[in-house]
């Protein structure tokens, strides 16, 4: 009983932390959606400002849903069928976010070292690639990594000790590793261009 209460408390704490983390990043993207330009690593091409704002507005919507989701589904963890869906969702988000962060962080380090070239969409008139790489390394990708780890923690906590937890975590780590490897082979040009992150 004490373990169950502790698990419920941990689920609540991690869910709220993931929600706050999601809202912080949504606010950052919301600033750009509202027309802000401070801290941009370059300049937007004249006439493409609306497109840039729209991209960020779409990101705000996705991030707001991602922020609300862990808290909104808290009561569903006690239902068996819902629990399976939630464990699957946590697995997908953990793998997807962690893989995305690891690939992009590695790509940015390689870019800073001059070993790869990152192509930017035509909406950018100018881009300071060093600033863009550093901004991604210290701002954007840590958000994805921590969000993935938070959803991984939710699944870990919900499963409790035992074989199902080890299988769930092991499969998530294996999938993250395999997809990260494919992504790194893609960004370094070893294999053809693939969009997995």
C-alpha atoms as a PDB file:
ATOM      1  CA  UNK A   1       0.000   0.000   0.000  1.00  0.00           C
ATOM      2  CA  UNK A   2       2.817   2.410   0.908  1.00  0.00           C
ATOM      3  CA  UNK A   3       4.563   1.626  -2.401  1.00  0.00           C
ATOM      4  CA  UNK A   4       1.355   2.282  -4.325  1.00  0.00           C
ATOM      5  CA  UNK A   5       0.921   5.673  -2.622  1.00  0.00           C
ATOM      6  CA  UNK A   6       4.567   6.546  -3.282  1.00  0.00           C
ATOM      7  CA  UNK A   7       4.164   5.559  -6.958  1.00  0.00           C
ATOM      8  CA  UNK A   8       1.005   7.652  -7.287  1.00  0.00           C
ATOM      9  CA  UNK A   9       2.788  10.627  -5.735  1.00  0.00           C
ATOM     10  CA  UNK A  10       5.798  10.158  -8.038  1.00  0.00           C
ATOM     11  CA  UNK A  11       3.516   9.883 -11.094  1.00  0.00           C
ATOM     12  CA  UNK A  12       1.835  13.137 -10.102  1.00  0.00           C
ATOM     13  CA  UNK A  13       5.119  14.948  -9.512  1.00  0.00           C
ATOM     14  CA  UNK A  14       6.693  13.843 -12.794  1.00  0.00           C
ATOM     15  CA  UNK A  15       3.474  14.587 -14.712  1.00  0.00           C
ATOM     16  CA  UNK A  16       3.327  18.127 -13.318  1.00  0.00           C
ATOM     17  CA  UNK A  17       7.051  18.653 -14.004  1.00  0.00           C
ATOM     18  CA  UNK A  18       6.609  17.470 -17.616  1.00  0.00           C
ATOM     19  CA  UNK A  19       3.615  19.793 -17.972  1.00  0.00           C
ATOM     20  CA  UNK A  20       5.544  22.812 -16.688  1.00  0.00           C
ATOM     21  CA  UNK A  21       8.509  21.924 -18.909  1.00  0.00           C
ATOM     22  CA  UNK A  22       6.182  21.762 -21.920  1.00  0.00           C
ATOM     23  CA  UNK A  23       4.610  25.128 -21.077  1.00  0.00           C
ATOM     24  CA  UNK A  24       8.035  26.774 -20.797  1.00  0.00           C
ATOM     25  CA  UNK A  25       8.982  25.673 -24.299  1.00  0.00           C
ATOM     26  CA  UNK A  26       5.520  26.599 -25.599  1.00  0.00           C
ATOM     27  CA  UNK A  27       6.027  30.128 -24.227  1.00  0.00           C
ATOM     28  CA  UNK A  28       9.394  30.366 -26.004  1.00  0.00           C
ATOM     29  CA  UNK A  29       7.843  29.315 -29.315  1.00  0.00           C
ATOM     30  CA  UNK A  30       4.826  31.526 -28.600  1.00  0.00           C
ATOM     31  CA  UNK A  31       7.119  34.543 -28.469  1.00  0.00           C
ATOM     32  CA  UNK A  32       8.198  33.857 -32.062  1.00  0.00           C
ATOM     33  CA  UNK A  33       4.613  33.073 -33.104  1.00  0.00           C
ATOM     34  CA  UNK A  34       3.645  36.537 -31.845  1.00  0.00           C
ATOM     35  CA  UNK A  35       6.309  38.189 -34.028  1.00  0.00           C
ATOM     36  CA  UNK A  36       9.273  38.311 -31.645  1.00  0.00           C
ATOM     37  CA  UNK A  37      12.734  38.274 -33.199  1.00  0.00           C
ATOM     38  CA  UNK A  38      15.178  38.509 -30.269  1.00  0.00           C
ATOM     39  CA  UNK A  39      17.750  35.711 -30.084  1.00  0.00           C
ATOM     40  CA  UNK A  40      17.097  34.506 -33.634  1.00  0.00           C
ATOM     41  CA  UNK A  41      20.285  33.064 -35.158  1.00  0.00           C
ATOM     42  CA  UNK A  42      19.723  35.072 -38.342  1.00  0.00           C
ATOM     43  CA  UNK A  43      17.167  37.098 -40.243  1.00  0.00           C
ATOM     44  CA  UNK A  44      13.920  35.981 -41.807  1.00  0.00           C
ATOM     45  CA  UNK A  45      13.559  36.642 -45.521  1.00  0.00           C
ATOM     46  CA  UNK A  46      11.265  39.636 -46.195  1.00  0.00           C
ATOM     47  CA  UNK A  47       7.775  38.323 -46.895  1.00  0.00           C
ATOM     48  CA  UNK A  48       8.378  35.043 -45.005  1.00  0.00           C
ATOM     49  CA  UNK A  49       7.647  36.416 -41.531  1.00  0.00           C
ATOM     50  CA  UNK A  50       4.076  35.070 -41.632  1.00  0.00           C
ATOM     51  CA  UNK A  51       5.301  31.600 -42.522  1.00  0.00           C
ATOM     52  CA  UNK A  52       7.801  31.693 -39.642  1.00  0.00           C
ATOM     53  CA  UNK A  53       5.075  32.801 -37.228  1.00  0.00           C
ATOM     54  CA  UNK A  54       2.727  30.080 -38.480  1.00  0.00           C
ATOM     55  CA  UNK A  55       5.370  27.376 -37.970  1.00  0.00           C
ATOM     56  CA  UNK A  56       5.869  28.569 -34.405  1.00  0.00           C
ATOM     57  CA  UNK A  57       2.116  28.801 -33.780  1.00  0.00           C
ATOM     58  CA  UNK A  58       1.734  25.167 -34.864  1.00  0.00           C
ATOM     59  CA  UNK A  59       4.563  24.278 -32.470  1.00  0.00           C
ATOM     60  CA  UNK A  60       2.776  26.118 -29.650  1.00  0.00           C
ATOM     61  CA  UNK A  61      -0.376  24.051 -30.210  1.00  0.00           C
ATOM     62  CA  UNK A  62       1.573  20.761 -30.190  1.00  0.00           C
ATOM     63  CA  UNK A  63       3.562  21.808 -27.126  1.00  0.00           C
ATOM     64  CA  UNK A  64       0.444  22.925 -25.246  1.00  0.00           C
ATOM     65  CA  UNK A  65      -1.131  19.499 -25.847  1.00  0.00           C
ATOM     66  CA  UNK A  66       2.122  17.810 -24.772  1.00  0.00           C
ATOM     67  CA  UNK A  67       2.144  19.940 -21.612  1.00  0.00           C
ATOM     68  CA  UNK A  68      -1.475  19.216 -20.693  1.00  0.00           C
ATOM     69  CA  UNK A  69      -1.419  15.504 -21.533  1.00  0.00           C
ATOM     70  CA  UNK A  70       0.579  14.067 -18.604  1.00  0.00           C
ATOM     71  CA  UNK A  71      -1.556  15.913 -16.061  1.00  0.00           C
ATOM     72  CA  UNK A  72      -4.865  15.304 -17.862  1.00  0.00           C
ATOM     73  CA  UNK A  73      -4.367  11.533 -17.995  1.00  0.00           C
ATOM     74  CA  UNK A  74      -3.297  11.088 -14.365  1.00  0.00           C
ATOM     75  CA  UNK A  75      -6.651   9.531 -13.316  1.00  0.00           C
ATOM     76  CA  UNK A  76      -6.409   7.003 -16.178  1.00  0.00           C
ATOM     77  CA  UNK A  77      -3.319   5.245 -14.791  1.00  0.00           C
ATOM     78  CA  UNK A  78      -5.536   3.228 -12.431  1.00  0.00           C
ATOM     79  CA  UNK A  79      -7.593   1.709 -15.285  1.00  0.00           C
ATOM     80  CA  UNK A  80      -6.095  -1.392 -16.862  1.00  0.00           C
ATOM     81  CA  UNK A  81      -6.966  -0.682 -20.541  1.00  0.00           C
ATOM     82  CA  UNK A  82      -6.040   2.975 -20.282  1.00  0.00           C
ATOM     83  CA  UNK A  83      -2.784   2.017 -18.601  1.00  0.00           C
ATOM     84  CA  UNK A  84      -1.684  -0.042 -21.633  1.00  0.00           C
ATOM     85  CA  UNK A  85      -2.424   2.888 -23.945  1.00  0.00           C
ATOM     86  CA  UNK A  86      -0.567   5.273 -21.640  1.00  0.00           C
ATOM     87  CA  UNK A  87       2.462   2.966 -21.422  1.00  0.00           C
ATOM     88  CA  UNK A  88       2.553   2.810 -25.223  1.00  0.00           C
ATOM     89  CA  UNK A  89       2.252   6.584 -25.463  1.00  0.00           C
ATOM     90  CA  UNK A  90       5.041   7.071 -22.913  1.00  0.00           C
ATOM     91  CA  UNK A  91       7.244   4.623 -24.838  1.00  0.00           C
ATOM     92  CA  UNK A  92       6.670   6.425 -28.157  1.00  0.00           C
ATOM     93  CA  UNK A  93       7.257   9.909 -26.702  1.00  0.00           C
ATOM     94  CA  UNK A  94      10.334   8.795 -24.732  1.00  0.00           C
ATOM     95  CA  UNK A  95      11.917   7.104 -27.754  1.00  0.00           C
ATOM     96  CA  UNK A  96      10.939   9.861 -30.199  1.00  0.00           C
ATOM     97  CA  UNK A  97      12.064  12.804 -28.087  1.00  0.00           C
ATOM     98  CA  UNK A  98      15.316  11.231 -26.858  1.00  0.00           C
ATOM     99  CA  UNK A  99      16.257  10.030 -30.338  1.00  0.00           C
ATOM    100  CA  UNK A 100      15.482  13.460 -31.801  1.00  0.00           C
ATOM    101  CA  UNK A 101      17.630  15.190 -29.174  1.00  0.00           C
ATOM    102  CA  UNK A 102      20.577  12.814 -29.505  1.00  0.00           C
ATOM    103  CA  UNK A 103      20.674  13.011 -33.303  1.00  0.00           C
ATOM    104  CA  UNK A 104      20.339  16.793 -33.428  1.00  0.00           C
ATOM    105  CA  UNK A 105      22.862  17.374 -30.645  1.00  0.00           C
ATOM    106  CA  UNK A 106      25.402  15.193 -32.424  1.00  0.00           C
ATOM    107  CA  UNK A 107      24.647  16.937 -35.726  1.00  0.00           C
ATOM    108  CA  UNK A 108      25.177  20.362 -34.121  1.00  0.00           C
ATOM    109  CA  UNK A 109      28.499  19.289 -32.586  1.00  0.00           C
ATOM    110  CA  UNK A 110      29.612  17.974 -35.989  1.00  0.00           C
ATOM    111  CA  UNK A 111      28.469  21.244 -37.579  1.00  0.00           C
ATOM    112  CA  UNK A 112      30.459  23.293 -35.048  1.00  0.00           C
ATOM    113  CA  UNK A 113      33.499  21.152 -35.885  1.00  0.00           C
ATOM    114  CA  UNK A 114      32.955  21.815 -39.600  1.00  0.00           C
ATOM    115  CA  UNK A 115      32.310  18.152 -40.385  1.00  0.00           C
ATOM    116  CA  UNK A 116      28.729  18.483 -41.622  1.00  0.00           C
ATOM    117  CA  UNK A 117      26.718  21.213 -43.302  1.00  0.00           C
ATOM    118  CA  UNK A 118      23.162  21.905 -42.145  1.00  0.00           C
ATOM    119  CA  UNK A 119      20.791  23.215 -44.812  1.00  0.00           C
ATOM    120  CA  UNK A 120      18.279  25.826 -43.660  1.00  0.00           C
ATOM    121  CA  UNK A 121      14.830  26.394 -45.171  1.00  0.00           C
ATOM    122  CA  UNK A 122      14.487  29.232 -47.705  1.00  0.00           C
ATOM    123  CA  UNK A 123      12.532  31.376 -45.235  1.00  0.00           C
ATOM    124  CA  UNK A 124      15.892  32.377 -43.728  1.00  0.00           C
ATOM    125  CA  UNK A 125      17.652  35.325 -45.445  1.00  0.00           C
ATOM    126  CA  UNK A 126      20.792  34.906 -43.309  1.00  0.00           C
ATOM    127  CA  UNK A 127      21.847  32.404 -40.664  1.00  0.00           C
ATOM    128  CA  UNK A 128      24.802  32.560 -38.294  1.00  0.00           C
ATOM    129  CA  UNK A 129      25.423  28.823 -38.224  1.00  0.00           C
ATOM    130  CA  UNK A 130      27.566  28.939 -35.079  1.00  0.00           C
ATOM    131  CA  UNK A 131      24.827  30.769 -33.152  1.00  0.00           C
ATOM    132  CA  UNK A 132      22.179  28.411 -34.570  1.00  0.00           C
ATOM    133  CA  UNK A 133      24.221  25.356 -33.539  1.00  0.00           C
ATOM    134  CA  UNK A 134      24.820  26.673 -30.014  1.00  0.00           C
ATOM    135  CA  UNK A 135      21.187  27.750 -29.601  1.00  0.00           C
ATOM    136  CA  UNK A 136      20.017  24.287 -30.609  1.00  0.00           C
ATOM    137  CA  UNK A 137      22.568  22.570 -28.353  1.00  0.00           C
ATOM    138  CA  UNK A 138      21.764  24.545 -25.198  1.00  0.00           C
ATOM    139  CA  UNK A 139      18.096  25.383 -25.783  1.00  0.00           C
ATOM    140  CA  UNK A 140      16.022  23.324 -28.160  1.00  0.00           C
ATOM    141  CA  UNK A 141      17.482  19.832 -27.906  1.00  0.00           C
ATOM    142  CA  UNK A 142      17.768  19.705 -24.100  1.00  0.00           C
ATOM    143  CA  UNK A 143      14.004  20.339 -24.051  1.00  0.00           C
ATOM    144  CA  UNK A 144      13.413  17.255 -26.226  1.00  0.00           C
ATOM    145  CA  UNK A 145      15.819  15.158 -24.164  1.00  0.00           C
ATOM    146  CA  UNK A 146      14.250  16.093 -20.822  1.00  0.00           C
ATOM    147  CA  UNK A 147      10.724  15.680 -22.206  1.00  0.00           C
ATOM    148  CA  UNK A 148      11.612  12.196 -23.442  1.00  0.00           C
ATOM    149  CA  UNK A 149      13.191  11.297 -20.109  1.00  0.00           C
ATOM    150  CA  UNK A 150      10.105  12.585 -18.261  1.00  0.00           C
ATOM    151  CA  UNK A 151       7.768  10.369 -20.304  1.00  0.00           C
ATOM    152  CA  UNK A 152      10.197   7.488 -19.839  1.00  0.00           C
ATOM    153  CA  UNK A 153      10.082   8.106 -16.084  1.00  0.00           C
ATOM    154  CA  UNK A 154       6.271   8.022 -16.157  1.00  0.00           C
ATOM    155  CA  UNK A 155       6.297   4.582 -17.774  1.00  0.00           C
ATOM    156  CA  UNK A 156       9.036   3.384 -15.413  1.00  0.00           C
ATOM    157  CA  UNK A 157       7.114   4.528 -12.333  1.00  0.00           C
ATOM    158  CA  UNK A 158       3.769   3.178 -13.550  1.00  0.00           C
ATOM    159  CA  UNK A 159       5.158  -0.289 -14.233  1.00  0.00           C
ATOM    160  CA  UNK A 160       6.785  -0.689 -10.823  1.00  0.00           C
ATOM    161  CA  UNK A 161       9.610  -3.161 -10.188  1.00  0.00           C
ATOM    162  CA  UNK A 162       9.716  -6.405 -12.126  1.00  0.00           C
ATOM    163  CA  UNK A 163      10.149  -8.015 -15.502  1.00  0.00           C
ATOM    164  CA  UNK A 164       7.566  -5.931 -17.415  1.00  0.00           C
ATOM    165  CA  UNK A 165       9.421  -2.755 -16.422  1.00  0.00           C
ATOM    166  CA  UNK A 166      12.762  -4.187 -17.555  1.00  0.00           C
ATOM    167  CA  UNK A 167      11.283  -5.300 -20.911  1.00  0.00           C
ATOM    168  CA  UNK A 168       9.580  -1.930 -21.454  1.00  0.00           C
ATOM    169  CA  UNK A 169      12.711   0.069 -20.612  1.00  0.00           C
ATOM    170  CA  UNK A 170      14.994  -2.293 -22.531  1.00  0.00           C
ATOM    171  CA  UNK A 171      12.904  -2.069 -25.689  1.00  0.00           C
ATOM    172  CA  UNK A 172      12.766   1.743 -25.387  1.00  0.00           C
ATOM    173  CA  UNK A 173      16.555   1.960 -24.998  1.00  0.00           C
ATOM    174  CA  UNK A 174      17.105  -0.434 -27.917  1.00  0.00           C
ATOM    175  CA  UNK A 175      14.729   1.508 -30.181  1.00  0.00           C
ATOM    176  CA  UNK A 176      16.306   4.837 -29.191  1.00  0.00           C
ATOM    177  CA  UNK A 177      19.779   3.456 -29.892  1.00  0.00           C
ATOM    178  CA  UNK A 178      18.833   1.945 -33.257  1.00  0.00           C
ATOM    179  CA  UNK A 179      16.972   5.044 -34.473  1.00  0.00           C
ATOM    180  CA  UNK A 180      19.750   7.334 -33.259  1.00  0.00           C
ATOM    181  CA  UNK A 181      22.310   5.266 -35.155  1.00  0.00           C
ATOM    182  CA  UNK A 182      20.237   5.438 -38.361  1.00  0.00           C
ATOM    183  CA  UNK A 183      19.817   9.191 -37.873  1.00  0.00           C
ATOM    184  CA  UNK A 184      23.548   9.730 -37.360  1.00  0.00           C
ATOM    185  CA  UNK A 185      24.383   7.654 -40.431  1.00  0.00           C
ATOM    186  CA  UNK A 186      21.919   9.808 -42.359  1.00  0.00           C
ATOM    187  CA  UNK A 187      23.169  13.234 -41.197  1.00  0.00           C
ATOM    188  CA  UNK A 188      26.788  12.254 -41.844  1.00  0.00           C
ATOM    189  CA  UNK A 189      25.963  11.100 -45.374  1.00  0.00           C
ATOM    190  CA  UNK A 190      26.882   7.448 -44.832  1.00  0.00           C
ATOM    191  CA  UNK A 191      23.383   6.463 -45.936  1.00  0.00           C
ATOM    192  CA  UNK A 192      20.807   8.437 -47.897  1.00  0.00           C
ATOM    193  CA  UNK A 193      18.865  11.283 -46.363  1.00  0.00           C
ATOM    194  CA  UNK A 194      16.181  10.023 -43.980  1.00  0.00           C
ATOM    195  CA  UNK A 195      13.820  12.077 -41.874  1.00  0.00           C
ATOM    196  CA  UNK A 196      13.289  10.248 -38.584  1.00  0.00           C
ATOM    197  CA  UNK A 197      13.600  13.141 -36.168  1.00  0.00           C
END
